[in-house]
Amino acid sequence: MDFPRVPFTSDYEVFKEVGKLGESLVYLHLLKSPDLDSPISKYQGKGLNLVEKVIYGEPEKRIYINKDNYFDNIDKEVFEYQIGGCQVLSKWLKDRKGRYLSLEEITTYSRITTALRRTRETQQQIDEIYPEIEKLSVEFN
């Protein structure tokens, strides 16, 4: 609902561990992480690459942009993932409705899908560490 707060802990090792995870998130969100070089999603289908309508096909884990073209291997949780109240994958495509996707845009979108999956994984790691942070959190006045 809001931007995350940054908790500080007096445990240096926990602080370093969370800092590394935070740094990983920064590189993912800037699309500069080496984890994005092997995207989880591929663009499939024969057609004109025209974004007509964004539809998520749940059983097959696909995001369709028209009746012939889609991005594959996208979990529902990744498709529904929101940042700042926006459903990232849907909005990105809807902003291009009526346009033909270029190869660069297709590559970028595949990288974004990977960044969001890795973001969810990293957030889960942070959630596992978070109780340790809370135990020794430092309050600032």
N, C-alpha and C. Protein backbone atom coordinates (compact mmCIF):
# COMPACT_ATOMS: atom_id res chain seq x y z
N MET A 1 0.82 -1.19 0.00
CA MET A 1 0.00 0.00 0.00
C MET A 1 0.86 1.26 0.00
N ASP A 2 2.07 1.14 0.52
CA ASP A 2 2.94 2.29 0.61
C ASP A 2 4.35 1.83 0.28
N PHE A 3 5.25 2.77 0.21
CA PHE A 3 6.64 2.40 -0.04
C PHE A 3 7.20 1.77 1.23
N PRO A 4 8.10 0.82 1.08
CA PRO A 4 8.62 0.13 2.27
C PRO A 4 9.52 1.05 3.09
N ARG A 5 9.51 0.80 4.38
CA ARG A 5 10.43 1.53 5.25
C ARG A 5 11.73 0.74 5.32
N VAL A 6 12.79 1.42 5.65
CA VAL A 6 14.09 0.77 5.75
C VAL A 6 14.41 0.59 7.23
N PRO A 7 14.34 -0.64 7.72
CA PRO A 7 14.66 -0.87 9.13
C PRO A 7 16.18 -0.98 9.32
N PHE A 8 16.64 -0.51 10.45
CA PHE A 8 18.06 -0.63 10.78
C PHE A 8 18.19 -1.55 11.98
N THR A 9 19.19 -2.40 11.94
CA THR A 9 19.44 -3.33 13.02
C THR A 9 20.83 -3.09 13.59
N SER A 10 20.98 -3.40 14.88
CA SER A 10 22.29 -3.25 15.50
C SER A 10 23.19 -4.46 15.24
N ASP A 11 22.65 -5.51 14.63
CA ASP A 11 23.42 -6.70 14.29
C ASP A 11 24.07 -6.48 12.93
N TYR A 12 25.37 -6.30 12.92
CA TYR A 12 26.10 -5.96 11.70
C TYR A 12 25.96 -7.03 10.62
N GLU A 13 26.01 -8.30 10.99
CA GLU A 13 25.91 -9.39 10.01
C GLU A 13 24.53 -9.41 9.35
N VAL A 14 23.49 -9.21 10.14
CA VAL A 14 22.13 -9.15 9.58
C VAL A 14 22.01 -7.93 8.67
N PHE A 15 22.57 -6.81 9.10
CA PHE A 15 22.54 -5.58 8.31
C PHE A 15 23.21 -5.80 6.95
N LYS A 16 24.39 -6.45 6.95
CA LYS A 16 25.08 -6.74 5.70
C LYS A 16 24.25 -7.64 4.79
N GLU A 17 23.64 -8.66 5.38
CA GLU A 17 22.84 -9.61 4.60
C GLU A 17 21.65 -8.91 3.94
N VAL A 18 20.96 -8.09 4.71
CA VAL A 18 19.81 -7.36 4.16
C VAL A 18 20.28 -6.32 3.15
N GLY A 19 21.42 -5.72 3.39
CA GLY A 19 21.98 -4.76 2.45
C GLY A 19 22.26 -5.38 1.09
N LYS A 20 22.79 -6.60 1.10
CA LYS A 20 23.06 -7.30 -0.17
C LYS A 20 21.76 -7.60 -0.91
N LEU A 21 20.75 -8.01 -0.16
CA LEU A 21 19.45 -8.28 -0.79
C LEU A 21 18.85 -6.99 -1.34
N GLY A 22 19.00 -5.90 -0.60
CA GLY A 22 18.51 -4.60 -1.08
C GLY A 22 19.23 -4.16 -2.34
N GLU A 23 20.54 -4.37 -2.37
CA GLU A 23 21.31 -4.02 -3.56
C GLU A 23 20.85 -4.85 -4.75
N SER A 24 20.57 -6.12 -4.50
CA SER A 24 20.06 -6.99 -5.56
C SER A 24 18.75 -6.45 -6.12
N LEU A 25 17.86 -5.98 -5.23
CA LEU A 25 16.59 -5.40 -5.68
C LEU A 25 16.81 -4.16 -6.55
N VAL A 26 17.76 -3.33 -6.16
CA VAL A 26 18.05 -2.12 -6.94
C VAL A 26 18.45 -2.50 -8.36
N TYR A 27 19.38 -3.44 -8.50
CA TYR A 27 19.84 -3.84 -9.84
C TYR A 27 18.73 -4.52 -10.64
N LEU A 28 17.87 -5.27 -9.96
CA LEU A 28 16.73 -5.88 -10.65
C LEU A 28 15.80 -4.80 -11.19
N HIS A 29 15.48 -3.82 -10.36
CA HIS A 29 14.52 -2.79 -10.76
C HIS A 29 15.09 -1.83 -11.80
N LEU A 30 16.39 -1.70 -11.85
CA LEU A 30 17.02 -0.89 -12.90
C LEU A 30 17.27 -1.71 -14.17
N LEU A 31 16.91 -2.99 -14.12
CA LEU A 31 17.13 -3.94 -15.23
C LEU A 31 18.60 -4.08 -15.58
N LYS A 32 19.45 -3.98 -14.56
CA LYS A 32 20.90 -4.09 -14.77
C LYS A 32 21.50 -5.32 -14.11
N SER A 33 20.67 -6.17 -13.56
CA SER A 33 21.15 -7.36 -12.89
C SER A 33 21.57 -8.42 -13.91
N PRO A 34 22.69 -9.10 -13.68
CA PRO A 34 23.08 -10.19 -14.57
C PRO A 34 22.07 -11.34 -14.55
N ASP A 35 21.23 -11.41 -13.51
CA ASP A 35 20.18 -12.44 -13.45
C ASP A 35 19.18 -12.31 -14.59
N LEU A 36 19.15 -11.15 -15.22
CA LEU A 36 18.16 -10.91 -16.28
C LEU A 36 18.66 -11.31 -17.66
N ASP A 37 19.91 -11.74 -17.74
CA ASP A 37 20.49 -12.12 -19.03
C ASP A 37 19.90 -13.41 -19.59
N SER A 38 19.29 -14.21 -18.73
CA SER A 38 18.60 -15.42 -19.16
C SER A 38 17.14 -15.30 -18.73
N PRO A 39 16.33 -14.64 -19.54
CA PRO A 39 14.94 -14.38 -19.14
C PRO A 39 14.14 -15.66 -18.93
N ILE A 40 13.17 -15.57 -18.01
CA ILE A 40 12.30 -16.71 -17.72
C ILE A 40 11.22 -16.86 -18.79
N SER A 41 10.93 -15.77 -19.49
CA SER A 41 9.84 -15.75 -20.44
C SER A 41 10.36 -15.53 -21.85
N LYS A 42 9.74 -16.22 -22.77
CA LYS A 42 10.07 -16.05 -24.19
C LYS A 42 8.83 -15.54 -24.92
N TYR A 43 9.06 -14.82 -25.98
CA TYR A 43 7.98 -14.32 -26.83
C TYR A 43 7.68 -15.37 -27.88
N GLN A 44 6.41 -15.72 -28.01
CA GLN A 44 6.03 -16.81 -28.89
C GLN A 44 4.93 -16.38 -29.86
N GLY A 45 4.79 -17.14 -30.93
CA GLY A 45 3.70 -16.97 -31.88
C GLY A 45 4.14 -16.29 -33.16
N LYS A 46 3.35 -16.51 -34.18
CA LYS A 46 3.60 -15.85 -35.46
C LYS A 46 2.51 -14.80 -35.63
N GLY A 47 2.92 -13.63 -36.01
CA GLY A 47 1.95 -12.55 -36.15
C GLY A 47 2.67 -11.23 -36.32
N LEU A 48 1.93 -10.18 -36.10
CA LEU A 48 2.45 -8.84 -36.36
C LEU A 48 3.02 -8.12 -35.14
N ASN A 49 3.00 -8.76 -33.98
CA ASN A 49 3.50 -8.17 -32.74
C ASN A 49 2.69 -6.95 -32.32
N LEU A 50 1.44 -6.87 -32.76
CA LEU A 50 0.58 -5.75 -32.43
C LEU A 50 -0.09 -5.98 -31.08
N VAL A 51 0.06 -5.00 -30.19
CA VAL A 51 -0.59 -5.09 -28.89
C VAL A 51 -2.05 -4.67 -29.08
N GLU A 52 -2.95 -5.65 -29.01
CA GLU A 52 -4.37 -5.37 -29.17
C GLU A 52 -5.09 -5.38 -27.83
N LYS A 53 -4.88 -6.46 -27.07
CA LYS A 53 -5.54 -6.61 -25.78
C LYS A 53 -4.66 -7.49 -24.90
N VAL A 54 -4.50 -7.10 -23.65
CA VAL A 54 -3.66 -7.86 -22.72
C VAL A 54 -4.55 -8.84 -21.96
N ILE A 55 -4.27 -10.13 -22.14
CA ILE A 55 -5.04 -11.17 -21.48
C ILE A 55 -4.07 -12.17 -20.86
N TYR A 56 -4.30 -12.48 -19.57
CA TYR A 56 -3.50 -13.51 -18.92
C TYR A 56 -4.21 -14.84 -19.03
N GLY A 57 -3.55 -15.83 -19.63
CA GLY A 57 -4.07 -17.19 -19.73
C GLY A 57 -3.50 -18.00 -18.59
N GLU A 58 -4.30 -18.19 -17.55
CA GLU A 58 -3.78 -18.82 -16.33
C GLU A 58 -3.32 -20.26 -16.51
N PRO A 59 -4.11 -21.13 -17.14
CA PRO A 59 -3.63 -22.52 -17.17
C PRO A 59 -2.30 -22.68 -17.91
N GLU A 60 -2.11 -21.90 -18.96
CA GLU A 60 -0.87 -22.04 -19.73
C GLU A 60 0.22 -21.05 -19.32
N LYS A 61 -0.08 -20.16 -18.35
CA LYS A 61 0.88 -19.17 -17.83
C LYS A 61 1.40 -18.26 -18.94
N ARG A 62 0.47 -17.71 -19.72
CA ARG A 62 0.84 -16.85 -20.85
C ARG A 62 0.18 -15.48 -20.74
N ILE A 63 0.87 -14.48 -21.25
CA ILE A 63 0.28 -13.16 -21.40
C ILE A 63 0.14 -12.93 -22.90
N TYR A 64 -1.10 -12.89 -23.34
CA TYR A 64 -1.40 -12.67 -24.75
C TYR A 64 -1.49 -11.18 -25.04
N ILE A 65 -0.93 -10.78 -26.20
CA ILE A 65 -1.08 -9.39 -26.64
C ILE A 65 -2.05 -9.31 -27.81
N ASN A 66 -2.30 -10.44 -28.42
CA ASN A 66 -3.30 -10.59 -29.48
C ASN A 66 -3.58 -12.09 -29.60
N LYS A 67 -4.37 -12.49 -30.58
CA LYS A 67 -4.74 -13.92 -30.66
C LYS A 67 -3.58 -14.83 -31.05
N ASP A 68 -2.49 -14.26 -31.59
CA ASP A 68 -1.38 -15.09 -32.08
C ASP A 68 -0.08 -14.97 -31.27
N ASN A 69 0.11 -13.87 -30.55
CA ASN A 69 1.39 -13.62 -29.89
C ASN A 69 1.24 -13.56 -28.37
N TYR A 70 2.24 -14.12 -27.69
CA TYR A 70 2.19 -14.14 -26.22
C TYR A 70 3.59 -14.30 -25.63
N PHE A 71 3.68 -13.96 -24.35
CA PHE A 71 4.88 -14.22 -23.55
C PHE A 71 4.55 -15.42 -22.68
N ASP A 72 5.44 -16.40 -22.62
CA ASP A 72 5.16 -17.63 -21.90
C ASP A 72 5.86 -17.69 -20.54
N ASN A 73 5.49 -18.72 -19.78
CA ASN A 73 6.15 -19.06 -18.51
C ASN A 73 6.06 -17.94 -17.47
N ILE A 74 4.89 -17.34 -17.33
CA ILE A 74 4.72 -16.26 -16.35
C ILE A 74 3.68 -16.69 -15.33
N ASP A 75 4.13 -16.86 -14.09
CA ASP A 75 3.22 -17.24 -13.01
C ASP A 75 2.20 -16.13 -12.76
N LYS A 76 1.04 -16.53 -12.29
CA LYS A 76 -0.03 -15.58 -12.02
C LYS A 76 0.42 -14.52 -11.01
N GLU A 77 1.18 -14.93 -9.99
CA GLU A 77 1.65 -13.99 -8.97
C GLU A 77 2.57 -12.93 -9.58
N VAL A 78 3.34 -13.33 -10.56
CA VAL A 78 4.22 -12.37 -11.24
C VAL A 78 3.39 -11.43 -12.11
N PHE A 79 2.41 -11.96 -12.82
CA PHE A 79 1.54 -11.12 -13.64
C PHE A 79 0.79 -10.11 -12.79
N GLU A 80 0.35 -10.52 -11.61
CA GLU A 80 -0.44 -9.63 -10.75
C GLU A 80 0.40 -8.74 -9.85
N TYR A 81 1.71 -8.90 -9.89
CA TYR A 81 2.60 -8.13 -9.00
C TYR A 81 2.44 -6.63 -9.22
N GLN A 82 2.35 -5.92 -8.11
CA GLN A 82 2.15 -4.47 -8.20
C GLN A 82 3.31 -3.72 -7.55
N ILE A 83 3.63 -2.60 -8.15
CA ILE A 83 4.57 -1.65 -7.57
C ILE A 83 3.90 -0.29 -7.64
N GLY A 84 3.81 0.37 -6.48
CA GLY A 84 3.17 1.68 -6.44
C GLY A 84 1.71 1.64 -6.86
N GLY A 85 1.04 0.50 -6.61
CA GLY A 85 -0.37 0.36 -6.93
C GLY A 85 -0.65 0.01 -8.38
N CYS A 86 0.39 -0.18 -9.19
CA CYS A 86 0.20 -0.53 -10.61
C CYS A 86 0.61 -1.97 -10.84
N GLN A 87 -0.20 -2.67 -11.61
CA GLN A 87 0.12 -4.03 -12.02
C GLN A 87 1.11 -3.90 -13.18
N VAL A 88 2.38 -4.08 -12.90
CA VAL A 88 3.49 -3.72 -13.78
C VAL A 88 3.38 -4.33 -15.18
N LEU A 89 3.24 -5.65 -15.26
CA LEU A 89 3.27 -6.31 -16.57
C LEU A 89 2.08 -5.91 -17.45
N SER A 90 0.93 -5.79 -16.85
CA SER A 90 -0.26 -5.39 -17.59
C SER A 90 -0.14 -3.94 -18.06
N LYS A 91 0.25 -3.06 -17.16
CA LYS A 91 0.35 -1.64 -17.50
C LYS A 91 1.37 -1.39 -18.61
N TRP A 92 2.50 -2.06 -18.55
CA TRP A 92 3.55 -1.86 -19.54
C TRP A 92 3.01 -2.14 -20.94
N LEU A 93 2.28 -3.23 -21.07
CA LEU A 93 1.71 -3.58 -22.37
C LEU A 93 0.55 -2.66 -22.76
N LYS A 94 -0.30 -2.35 -21.81
CA LYS A 94 -1.44 -1.47 -22.11
C LYS A 94 -0.97 -0.09 -22.57
N ASP A 95 0.17 0.35 -22.05
CA ASP A 95 0.74 1.64 -22.49
C ASP A 95 1.17 1.59 -23.96
N ARG A 96 1.27 0.40 -24.51
CA ARG A 96 1.69 0.21 -25.91
C ARG A 96 0.55 -0.31 -26.79
N LYS A 97 -0.65 -0.24 -26.29
CA LYS A 97 -1.81 -0.72 -27.04
C LYS A 97 -1.92 0.02 -28.37
N GLY A 98 -2.15 -0.77 -29.44
CA GLY A 98 -2.25 -0.21 -30.78
C GLY A 98 -0.92 -0.05 -31.47
N ARG A 99 0.16 -0.45 -30.81
CA ARG A 99 1.51 -0.35 -31.39
C ARG A 99 2.07 -1.73 -31.67
N TYR A 100 3.04 -1.78 -32.55
CA TYR A 100 3.77 -3.01 -32.83
C TYR A 100 5.00 -3.03 -31.93
N LEU A 101 5.20 -4.13 -31.24
CA LEU A 101 6.37 -4.24 -30.38
C LEU A 101 7.63 -4.47 -31.22
N SER A 102 8.67 -3.73 -30.89
CA SER A 102 9.96 -3.93 -31.54
C SER A 102 10.71 -5.06 -30.83
N LEU A 103 11.77 -5.53 -31.44
CA LEU A 103 12.59 -6.56 -30.82
C LEU A 103 13.14 -6.06 -29.48
N GLU A 104 13.55 -4.81 -29.42
CA GLU A 104 14.06 -4.24 -28.17
C GLU A 104 12.99 -4.23 -27.08
N GLU A 105 11.75 -3.89 -27.44
CA GLU A 105 10.66 -3.88 -26.47
C GLU A 105 10.34 -5.30 -25.99
N ILE A 106 10.37 -6.25 -26.89
CA ILE A 106 10.12 -7.65 -26.53
C ILE A 106 11.19 -8.14 -25.56
N THR A 107 12.43 -7.80 -25.84
CA THR A 107 13.54 -8.18 -24.96
C THR A 107 13.39 -7.51 -23.60
N THR A 108 13.06 -6.24 -23.59
CA THR A 108 12.88 -5.51 -22.33
C THR A 108 11.76 -6.14 -21.51
N TYR A 109 10.64 -6.46 -22.14
CA TYR A 109 9.52 -7.04 -21.42
C TYR A 109 9.90 -8.40 -20.82
N SER A 110 10.64 -9.19 -21.55
CA SER A 110 11.10 -10.48 -21.01
C SER A 110 12.00 -10.26 -19.81
N ARG A 111 12.83 -9.24 -19.86
CA ARG A 111 13.69 -8.90 -18.72
C ARG A 111 12.86 -8.43 -17.53
N ILE A 112 11.81 -7.67 -17.79
CA ILE A 112 10.94 -7.19 -16.72
C ILE A 112 10.25 -8.37 -16.03
N THR A 113 9.77 -9.33 -16.81
CA THR A 113 9.11 -10.50 -16.21
C THR A 113 10.09 -11.23 -15.29
N THR A 114 11.32 -11.34 -15.72
CA THR A 114 12.35 -12.00 -14.91
C THR A 114 12.65 -11.19 -13.67
N ALA A 115 12.75 -9.88 -13.81
CA ALA A 115 13.03 -9.00 -12.67
C ALA A 115 11.93 -9.13 -11.61
N LEU A 116 10.70 -9.22 -12.05
CA LEU A 116 9.60 -9.33 -11.09
C LEU A 116 9.61 -10.67 -10.36
N ARG A 117 9.92 -11.74 -11.09
CA ARG A 117 10.00 -13.05 -10.40
C ARG A 117 11.15 -13.03 -9.39
N ARG A 118 12.30 -12.51 -9.79
CA ARG A 118 13.45 -12.45 -8.87
C ARG A 118 13.16 -11.51 -7.69
N THR A 119 12.40 -10.45 -7.94
CA THR A 119 12.01 -9.53 -6.87
C THR A 119 11.18 -10.28 -5.83
N ARG A 120 10.22 -11.06 -6.28
CA ARG A 120 9.40 -11.84 -5.35
C ARG A 120 10.26 -12.80 -4.53
N GLU A 121 11.21 -13.45 -5.18
CA GLU A 121 12.10 -14.38 -4.48
C GLU A 121 12.95 -13.65 -3.44
N THR A 122 13.47 -12.49 -3.82
CA THR A 122 14.31 -11.70 -2.91
C THR A 122 13.48 -11.18 -1.74
N GLN A 123 12.26 -10.76 -2.00
CA GLN A 123 11.39 -10.30 -0.92
C GLN A 123 11.10 -11.43 0.07
N GLN A 124 10.96 -12.64 -0.42
CA GLN A 124 10.75 -13.78 0.48
C GLN A 124 11.97 -14.00 1.36
N GLN A 125 13.17 -13.83 0.79
CA GLN A 125 14.39 -13.95 1.59
C GLN A 125 14.44 -12.87 2.66
N ILE A 126 14.06 -11.67 2.31
CA ILE A 126 14.04 -10.57 3.29
C ILE A 126 13.02 -10.87 4.39
N ASP A 127 11.86 -11.38 4.00
CA ASP A 127 10.83 -11.73 4.99
C ASP A 127 11.32 -12.77 5.99
N GLU A 128 12.17 -13.69 5.53
CA GLU A 128 12.72 -14.71 6.42
C GLU A 128 13.69 -14.10 7.43
N ILE A 129 14.41 -13.08 7.02
CA ILE A 129 15.41 -12.42 7.88
C ILE A 129 14.76 -11.38 8.79
N TYR A 130 13.62 -10.87 8.38
CA TYR A 130 13.01 -9.72 9.05
C TYR A 130 12.81 -9.89 10.56
N PRO A 131 12.41 -11.06 11.05
CA PRO A 131 12.28 -11.18 12.52
C PRO A 131 13.58 -10.85 13.26
N GLU A 132 14.73 -11.19 12.66
CA GLU A 132 16.01 -10.86 13.27
C GLU A 132 16.25 -9.34 13.30
N ILE A 133 15.80 -8.68 12.27
CA ILE A 133 15.94 -7.23 12.20
C ILE A 133 15.08 -6.58 13.28
N GLU A 134 13.86 -7.05 13.42
CA GLU A 134 12.93 -6.49 14.40
C GLU A 134 13.45 -6.65 15.83
N LYS A 135 14.10 -7.78 16.12
CA LYS A 135 14.61 -8.03 17.48
C LYS A 135 15.60 -6.96 17.91
N LEU A 136 16.45 -6.56 16.97
CA LEU A 136 17.53 -5.62 17.32
C LEU A 136 17.44 -4.33 16.52
N SER A 137 16.23 -3.88 16.27
CA SER A 137 16.08 -2.67 15.46
C SER A 137 16.51 -1.44 16.26
N VAL A 138 17.02 -0.48 15.52
CA VAL A 138 17.52 0.77 16.10
C VAL A 138 16.49 1.85 15.78
N GLU A 139 16.07 2.55 16.82
CA GLU A 139 15.10 3.64 16.65
C GLU A 139 15.85 4.96 16.56
N PHE A 140 15.39 5.82 15.65
CA PHE A 140 15.96 7.16 15.50
C PHE A 140 14.91 8.17 15.91
N ASN A 141 15.32 9.17 16.64
CA ASN A 141 14.40 10.25 17.05
C ASN A 141 14.55 11.46 16.19
